[in-house]
C-alpha atoms as a PDB file:
ATOM      1  CA  MET A   1      -3.137  15.210  15.716  1.00  0.00           C
ATOM      2  CA  GLN A   2      -2.087  11.123  15.289  1.00  0.00           C
ATOM      3  CA  ARG A   3      -2.259   9.974  18.902  1.00  0.00           C
ATOM      4  CA  SER A   4      -0.988   6.315  18.113  1.00  0.00           C
ATOM      5  CA  ILE A   5       1.739   4.444  19.479  1.00  0.00           C
ATOM      6  CA  LEU A   6       3.888   2.335  17.229  1.00  0.00           C
ATOM      7  CA  ARG A   7       6.725   0.531  18.125  1.00  0.00           C
ATOM      8  CA  LEU A   8       9.179  -0.605  16.062  1.00  0.00           C
ATOM      9  CA  PRO A   9      12.378  -2.335  17.005  1.00  0.00           C
ATOM     10  CA  CYS A  10      14.344  -3.129  14.076  1.00  0.00           C
ATOM     11  CA  LEU A  11      17.441  -5.160  13.455  1.00  0.00           C
ATOM     12  CA  ALA A  12      19.176  -4.384  10.536  1.00  0.00           C
ATOM     13  CA  MET A  13      22.046  -7.141   9.084  1.00  0.00           C
ATOM     14  CA  ALA A  14      24.489  -6.872   6.079  1.00  0.00           C
ATOM     15  CA  ALA A  15      23.885  -9.625   3.937  1.00  0.00           C
ATOM     16  CA  VAL A  16      26.136 -11.232   1.082  1.00  0.00           C
ATOM     17  CA  ILE A  17      23.025 -11.778  -2.106  1.00  0.00           C
ATOM     18  CA  ILE A  18      24.378 -14.829  -4.176  1.00  0.00           C
ATOM     19  CA  GLY A  19      26.061 -13.022  -6.743  1.00  0.00           C
ATOM     20  CA  GLY A  20      28.004 -10.948  -5.058  1.00  0.00           C
ATOM     21  CA  CYS A  21      26.006  -8.184  -4.504  1.00  0.00           C
ATOM     22  CA  ALA A  22      25.220  -6.268  -0.606  1.00  0.00           C
ATOM     23  CA  GLY A  23      21.995  -6.533   0.474  1.00  0.00           C
ATOM     24  CA  ALA A  24      20.109  -4.824   3.525  1.00  0.00           C
ATOM     25  CA  VAL A  25      18.152  -7.805   5.430  1.00  0.00           C
ATOM     26  CA  ARG A  26      15.473  -5.844   7.619  1.00  0.00           C
ATOM     27  CA  ASP A  27      13.558  -7.848  11.165  1.00  0.00           C
ATOM     28  CA  VAL A  28      11.208  -5.528  12.053  1.00  0.00           C
ATOM     29  CA  GLN A  29       8.202  -6.637  15.323  1.00  0.00           C
ATOM     30  CA  ALA A  30       5.645  -4.019  15.137  1.00  0.00           C
ATOM     31  CA  SER A  31       2.794  -3.847  17.977  1.00  0.00           C
ATOM     32  CA  HIS A  32      -0.041  -0.641  16.491  1.00  0.00           C
ATOM     33  CA  LYS A  33      -3.047   0.046  18.980  1.00  0.00           C
ATOM     34  CA  PRO A  34      -4.970   2.321  16.982  1.00  0.00           C
ATOM     35  CA  ASP A  35      -6.243   6.011  19.170  1.00  0.00           C
ATOM     36  CA  ARG A  36      -9.455   3.921  18.307  1.00  0.00           C
ATOM     37  CA  PRO A  37     -11.020   0.731  18.063  1.00  0.00           C
ATOM     38  CA  ALA A  38     -10.205  -0.612  15.045  1.00  0.00           C
ATOM     39  CA  VAL A  39     -13.906  -2.132  14.237  1.00  0.00           C
ATOM     40  CA  ARG A  40     -17.387  -0.682  13.183  1.00  0.00           C
ATOM     41  CA  SER A  41     -18.474  -3.793  11.566  1.00  0.00           C
ATOM     42  CA  PRO A  42     -17.278  -6.589   9.498  1.00  0.00           C
ATOM     43  CA  ARG A  43     -16.890  -5.441   6.790  1.00  0.00           C
ATOM     44  CA  ALA A  44     -14.455  -1.487   6.717  1.00  0.00           C
ATOM     45  CA  ALA A  45     -12.632  -1.261   9.726  1.00  0.00           C
ATOM     46  CA  SER A  46     -11.619   2.336   8.257  1.00  0.00           C
ATOM     47  CA  ALA A  47     -13.156   4.997  10.447  1.00  0.00           C
ATOM     48  CA  PRO A  48     -14.941   7.864   7.931  1.00  0.00           C
ATOM     49  CA  GLY A  49     -11.867  10.174   7.790  1.00  0.00           C
ATOM     50  CA  GLU A  50     -10.557   6.879   6.535  1.00  0.00           C
ATOM     51  CA  GLN A  51     -12.984   6.807   3.821  1.00  0.00           C
ATOM     52  CA  VAL A  52     -12.515   8.119  -0.163  1.00  0.00           C
ATOM     53  CA  PRO A  53     -14.248  11.525   0.186  1.00  0.00           C
ATOM     54  CA  LYS A  54     -17.590  11.820  -1.768  1.00  0.00           C
ATOM     55  CA  GLY A  55     -16.181  13.705  -5.276  1.00  0.00           C
ATOM     56  CA  VAL A  56     -14.315  11.258  -6.664  1.00  0.00           C
ATOM     57  CA  THR A  57     -14.991  10.614  -9.934  1.00  0.00           C
ATOM     58  CA  ALA A  58     -11.619   9.994 -11.628  1.00  0.00           C
ATOM     59  CA  ILE A  59      -8.561   7.970 -10.504  1.00  0.00           C
ATOM     60  CA  ARG A  60      -4.880   7.272 -11.940  1.00  0.00           C
ATOM     61  CA  VAL A  61      -3.272   4.702 -11.022  1.00  0.00           C
ATOM     62  CA  THR A  62       0.770   4.863 -11.338  1.00  0.00           C
ATOM     63  CA  LEU A  63       3.077   1.858 -11.141  1.00  0.00           C
ATOM     64  CA  GLN A  64       6.448   2.031 -10.700  1.00  0.00           C
ATOM     65  CA  ARG A  65       7.709  -1.903 -11.499  1.00  0.00           C
ATOM     66  CA  PRO A  66      10.553  -3.274  -9.202  1.00  0.00           C
ATOM     67  CA  PRO A  67      13.906  -4.913 -10.266  1.00  0.00           C
ATOM     68  CA  ARG A  68      12.609  -7.900 -11.742  1.00  0.00           C
ATOM     69  CA  ARG A  69      14.676 -10.125  -9.290  1.00  0.00           C
ATOM     70  CA  ALA A  70      16.719  -9.588  -6.079  1.00  0.00           C
ATOM     71  CA  GLY A  71      20.423  -8.008  -6.960  1.00  0.00           C
ATOM     72  CA  LEU A  72      19.122  -5.366  -9.674  1.00  0.00           C
ATOM     73  CA  SER A  73      19.501  -1.872  -9.247  1.00  0.00           C
ATOM     74  CA  LYS A  74      17.906  -0.716 -12.015  1.00  0.00           C
ATOM     75  CA  LEU A  75      13.408  -0.510 -11.282  1.00  0.00           C
ATOM     76  CA  GLY A  76      11.017  -1.964 -13.745  1.00  0.00           C
ATOM     77  CA  VAL A  77       8.817   0.112 -16.292  1.00  0.00           C
ATOM     78  CA  LEU A  78       6.880   3.309 -15.667  1.00  0.00           C
ATOM     79  CA  SER A  79       3.298   2.956 -15.754  1.00  0.00           C
ATOM     80  CA  SER A  80       0.410   5.105 -15.157  1.00  0.00           C
ATOM     81  CA  VAL A  81      -3.351   4.406 -15.794  1.00  0.00           C
ATOM     82  CA  PRO A  82      -6.222   7.322 -16.000  1.00  0.00           C
ATOM     83  CA  ILE A  83      -9.857   5.911 -15.053  1.00  0.00           C
ATOM     84  CA  THR A  84     -12.660   8.152 -15.171  1.00  0.00           C
ATOM     85  CA  ASN A  85     -15.707   4.890 -16.076  1.00  0.00           C
ATOM     86  CA  ARG A  86     -18.655   5.391 -13.184  1.00  0.00           C
ATOM     87  CA  SER A  87     -18.089   1.537 -12.534  1.00  0.00           C
ATOM     88  CA  LYS A  88     -14.355   1.372 -12.505  1.00  0.00           C
ATOM     89  CA  VAL A  89     -14.124   4.770 -10.428  1.00  0.00           C
ATOM     90  CA  SER A  90     -16.492   3.441  -8.046  1.00  0.00           C
ATOM     91  CA  THR A  91     -14.885   0.019  -7.583  1.00  0.00           C
ATOM     92  CA  ALA A  92     -11.809   1.479  -6.862  1.00  0.00           C
ATOM     93  CA  ILE A  93     -13.440   3.582  -3.758  1.00  0.00           C
ATOM     94  CA  LYS A  94     -15.252   0.605  -2.344  1.00  0.00           C
ATOM     95  CA  LEU A  95     -11.808  -1.592  -2.838  1.00  0.00           C
ATOM     96  CA  ALA A  96     -10.102   1.346  -0.770  1.00  0.00           C
ATOM     97  CA  ASP A  97     -13.145   2.123   1.882  1.00  0.00           C
ATOM     98  CA  SER A  98     -12.703  -1.641   2.935  1.00  0.00           C
ATOM     99  CA  LEU A  99      -9.214  -1.789   3.750  1.00  0.00           C
ATOM    100  CA  LYS A 100      -8.927  -1.991   7.343  1.00  0.00           C
ATOM    101  CA  VAL A 101      -6.551  -1.183  10.340  1.00  0.00           C
ATOM    102  CA  PRO A 102      -4.132  -4.079  12.014  1.00  0.00           C
ATOM    103  CA  LYS A 103      -5.636  -5.518  14.963  1.00  0.00           C
ATOM    104  CA  PRO A 104      -3.598  -4.692  17.597  1.00  0.00           C
ATOM    105  CA  GLY A 105      -0.752  -7.252  19.048  1.00  0.00           C
ATOM    106  CA  GLU A 106      -1.317  -9.056  16.290  1.00  0.00           C
ATOM    107  CA  VAL A 107       2.695 -10.269  15.414  1.00  0.00           C
ATOM    108  CA  TRP A 108       3.774 -10.989  12.123  1.00  0.00           C
ATOM    109  CA  ASN A 109       7.133 -12.397  10.789  1.00  0.00           C
ATOM    110  CA  CYS A 110       8.519 -10.724   7.706  1.00  0.00           C
ATOM    111  CA  PRO A 111       9.965 -11.732   5.018  1.00  0.00           C
ATOM    112  CA  ALA A 112      13.562  -9.659   4.455  1.00  0.00           C
ATOM    113  CA  ILE A 113      13.056  -6.957   1.647  1.00  0.00           C
ATOM    114  CA  ILE A 114      16.296  -6.088  -0.626  1.00  0.00           C
ATOM    115  CA  GLY A 115      17.047  -3.918  -2.867  1.00  0.00           C
ATOM    116  CA  PRO A 116      15.580  -0.641  -4.016  1.00  0.00           C
ATOM    117  CA  GLU A 117      11.653  -1.139  -3.875  1.00  0.00           C
ATOM    118  CA  GLY A 118       8.896  -0.724  -6.939  1.00  0.00           C
ATOM    119  CA  ARG A 119       6.131   1.562  -5.850  1.00  0.00           C
ATOM    120  CA  LEU A 120       1.536   1.665  -6.301  1.00  0.00           C
ATOM    121  CA  THR A 121       0.173   4.385  -5.987  1.00  0.00           C
ATOM    122  CA  VAL A 122      -3.378   5.863  -6.483  1.00  0.00           C
ATOM    123  CA  THR A 123      -4.654   9.174  -6.729  1.00  0.00           C
ATOM    124  CA  TYR A 124      -8.379   9.699  -6.280  1.00  0.00           C
ATOM    125  CA  SER A 125      -9.442  12.952  -8.022  1.00  0.00           C
ATOM    126  CA  ALA A 126     -12.429  15.598  -8.858  1.00  0.00           C
ATOM    127  CA  GLY A 127     -11.849  14.786 -12.152  1.00  0.00           C
ATOM    128  CA  PRO A 128      -8.953  13.778 -14.291  1.00  0.00           C
ATOM    129  CA  ALA A 129      -6.894  16.886 -13.844  1.00  0.00           C
ATOM    130  CA  GLY A 130      -8.459  17.343 -10.629  1.00  0.00           C
ATOM    131  CA  PRO A 131      -6.408  17.686  -6.972  1.00  0.00           C
ATOM    132  CA  ALA A 132      -6.145  14.455  -5.875  1.00  0.00           C
ATOM    133  CA  LEU A 133      -8.811  13.535  -2.728  1.00  0.00           C
ATOM    134  CA  ALA A 134      -7.269  10.645  -1.370  1.00  0.00           C
ATOM    135  CA  THR A 135      -4.546   8.598  -2.212  1.00  0.00           C
ATOM    136  CA  ALA A 136      -3.128   5.509  -1.422  1.00  0.00           C
ATOM    137  CA  GLN A 137       0.956   4.268  -1.216  1.00  0.00           C
ATOM    138  CA  ILE A 138       2.043   0.868  -1.417  1.00  0.00           C
ATOM    139  CA  SER A 139       5.489  -0.333  -1.307  1.00  0.00           C
ATOM    140  CA  LEU A 140       6.140  -2.940  -3.782  1.00  0.00           C
ATOM    141  CA  PRO A 141       8.965  -5.562  -2.464  1.00  0.00           C
ATOM    142  CA  ILE A 142      11.079  -7.336  -5.290  1.00  0.00           C
ATOM    143  CA  GLY A 143       8.986 -11.108  -5.736  1.00  0.00           C
ATOM    144  CA  TRP A 144       6.644 -10.279  -3.811  1.00  0.00           C
ATOM    145  CA  PRO A 145       3.473 -11.595  -5.087  1.00  0.00           C
ATOM    146  CA  ALA A 146       0.452  -9.173  -5.930  1.00  0.00           C
ATOM    147  CA  ALA A 147      -1.953 -10.887  -3.486  1.00  0.00           C
ATOM    148  CA  ALA A 148       0.308 -10.396  -0.326  1.00  0.00           C
ATOM    149  CA  ILE A 149       1.552  -6.751  -0.671  1.00  0.00           C
ATOM    150  CA  GLY A 150      -0.272  -4.759   1.024  1.00  0.00           C
ATOM    151  CA  ALA A 151      -2.590  -8.005   2.906  1.00  0.00           C
ATOM    152  CA  THR A 152       0.249  -7.632   6.390  1.00  0.00           C
ATOM    153  CA  PRO A 153       2.054  -4.730   8.025  1.00  0.00           C
ATOM    154  CA  CYS A 154       4.657  -6.417   6.360  1.00  0.00           C
ATOM    155  CA  ALA A 155       4.131  -4.439   3.322  1.00  0.00           C
ATOM    156  CA  PRO A 156       2.045  -1.886   4.304  1.00  0.00           C
ATOM    157  CA  ILE A 157      -0.867   1.028   2.834  1.00  0.00           C
ATOM    158  CA  GLY A 158      -0.517   4.708   3.492  1.00  0.00           C
ATOM    159  CA  PHE A 159      -3.493   6.318   2.878  1.00  0.00           C
ATOM    160  CA  THR A 160      -3.882  10.091   2.825  1.00  0.00           C
ATOM    161  CA  ILE A 161      -6.915  12.734   1.962  1.00  0.00           C
ATOM    162  CA  SER A 162      -6.192  16.121   1.131  1.00  0.00           C
ATOM    163  CA  GLY A 163      -2.700  15.877   2.027  1.00  0.00           C
ATOM    164  CA  HIS A 164      -2.699  14.203   5.318  1.00  0.00           C
ATOM    165  CA  ALA A 165      -2.181  10.871   6.028  1.00  0.00           C
ATOM    166  CA  MET A 166      -4.498   8.600   8.138  1.00  0.00           C
ATOM    167  CA  ARG A 167      -3.949   5.732   9.937  1.00  0.00           C
ATOM    168  CA  THR A 168      -1.604   2.548   8.234  1.00  0.00           C
ATOM    169  CA  LEU A 169      -4.209   0.254   6.758  1.00  0.00           C
ATOM    170  CA  ILE A 170      -4.178  -3.576   4.728  1.00  0.00           C
ATOM    171  CA  GLY A 171      -6.249  -4.946   2.932  1.00  0.00           C
ATOM    172  CA  ALA A 172      -5.576  -8.782   0.829  1.00  0.00           C
ATOM    173  CA  ASP A 173      -6.730  -7.883  -2.498  1.00  0.00           C
ATOM    174  CA  PHE A 174      -5.905  -4.310  -2.848  1.00  0.00           C
ATOM    175  CA  VAL A 175      -3.011  -4.334  -4.829  1.00  0.00           C
ATOM    176  CA  ARG A 176      -4.103  -7.147  -6.761  1.00  0.00           C
ATOM    177  CA  ASP A 177      -7.405  -5.635  -7.823  1.00  0.00           C
ATOM    178  CA  ILE A 178      -6.386  -1.885  -8.763  1.00  0.00           C
ATOM    179  CA  LEU A 179      -4.143  -3.521 -11.185  1.00  0.00           C
ATOM    180  CA  ALA A 180      -7.227  -5.662 -12.482  1.00  0.00           C
ATOM    181  CA  LEU A 181      -9.056  -2.438 -12.460  1.00  0.00           C
ATOM    182  CA  ALA A 182      -6.330  -0.959 -14.559  1.00  0.00           C
ATOM    183  CA  GLY A 183      -4.948  -3.755 -16.366  1.00  0.00           C
ATOM    184  CA  LEU A 184      -1.652  -3.492 -15.140  1.00  0.00           C
ATOM    185  CA  SER A 185      -0.160  -6.438 -13.237  1.00  0.00           C
ATOM    186  CA  LEU A 186       3.881  -6.156 -11.630  1.00  0.00           C
ATOM    187  CA  ARG A 187       5.251  -7.566 -14.767  1.00  0.00           C
END
């Protein structure tokens, strides 16, 4: 059971976008108070229970690209790349283990998220056909650069271990580096 306090006052407005398409504008201010201190060391802010478990020998990077531009509803191409190379798997684990918990009390000005979002899922498993030991999921808003996605609470990284949701995490280079590791891009 997670005892974090998460308050999300949200203001939603209807909008008309150039081209006559309807959309929704989301304005969110989030304040998050973790259960325990967020920072253990300068490098990693996730607690031991929020790190990729031992036994991971393969990852699968699944990318559902967002639409090419605002106003389109059709999602982009779906790609799925398995990775079993030991050094690449090790790098992917280090990337996940370096994710941080957002600092309590920080205020973020989030851009509007309009239209359907793509999704990036990174599955850490015990072998190519093995069960998922951990999963990172990130929404991919239209038009956002890979370096901005996952870097703030505006588009955070959802992390699960053995099917149990952990605290929301952020990491400035996670999306960009995972996509590069898998040989994928948002385009």
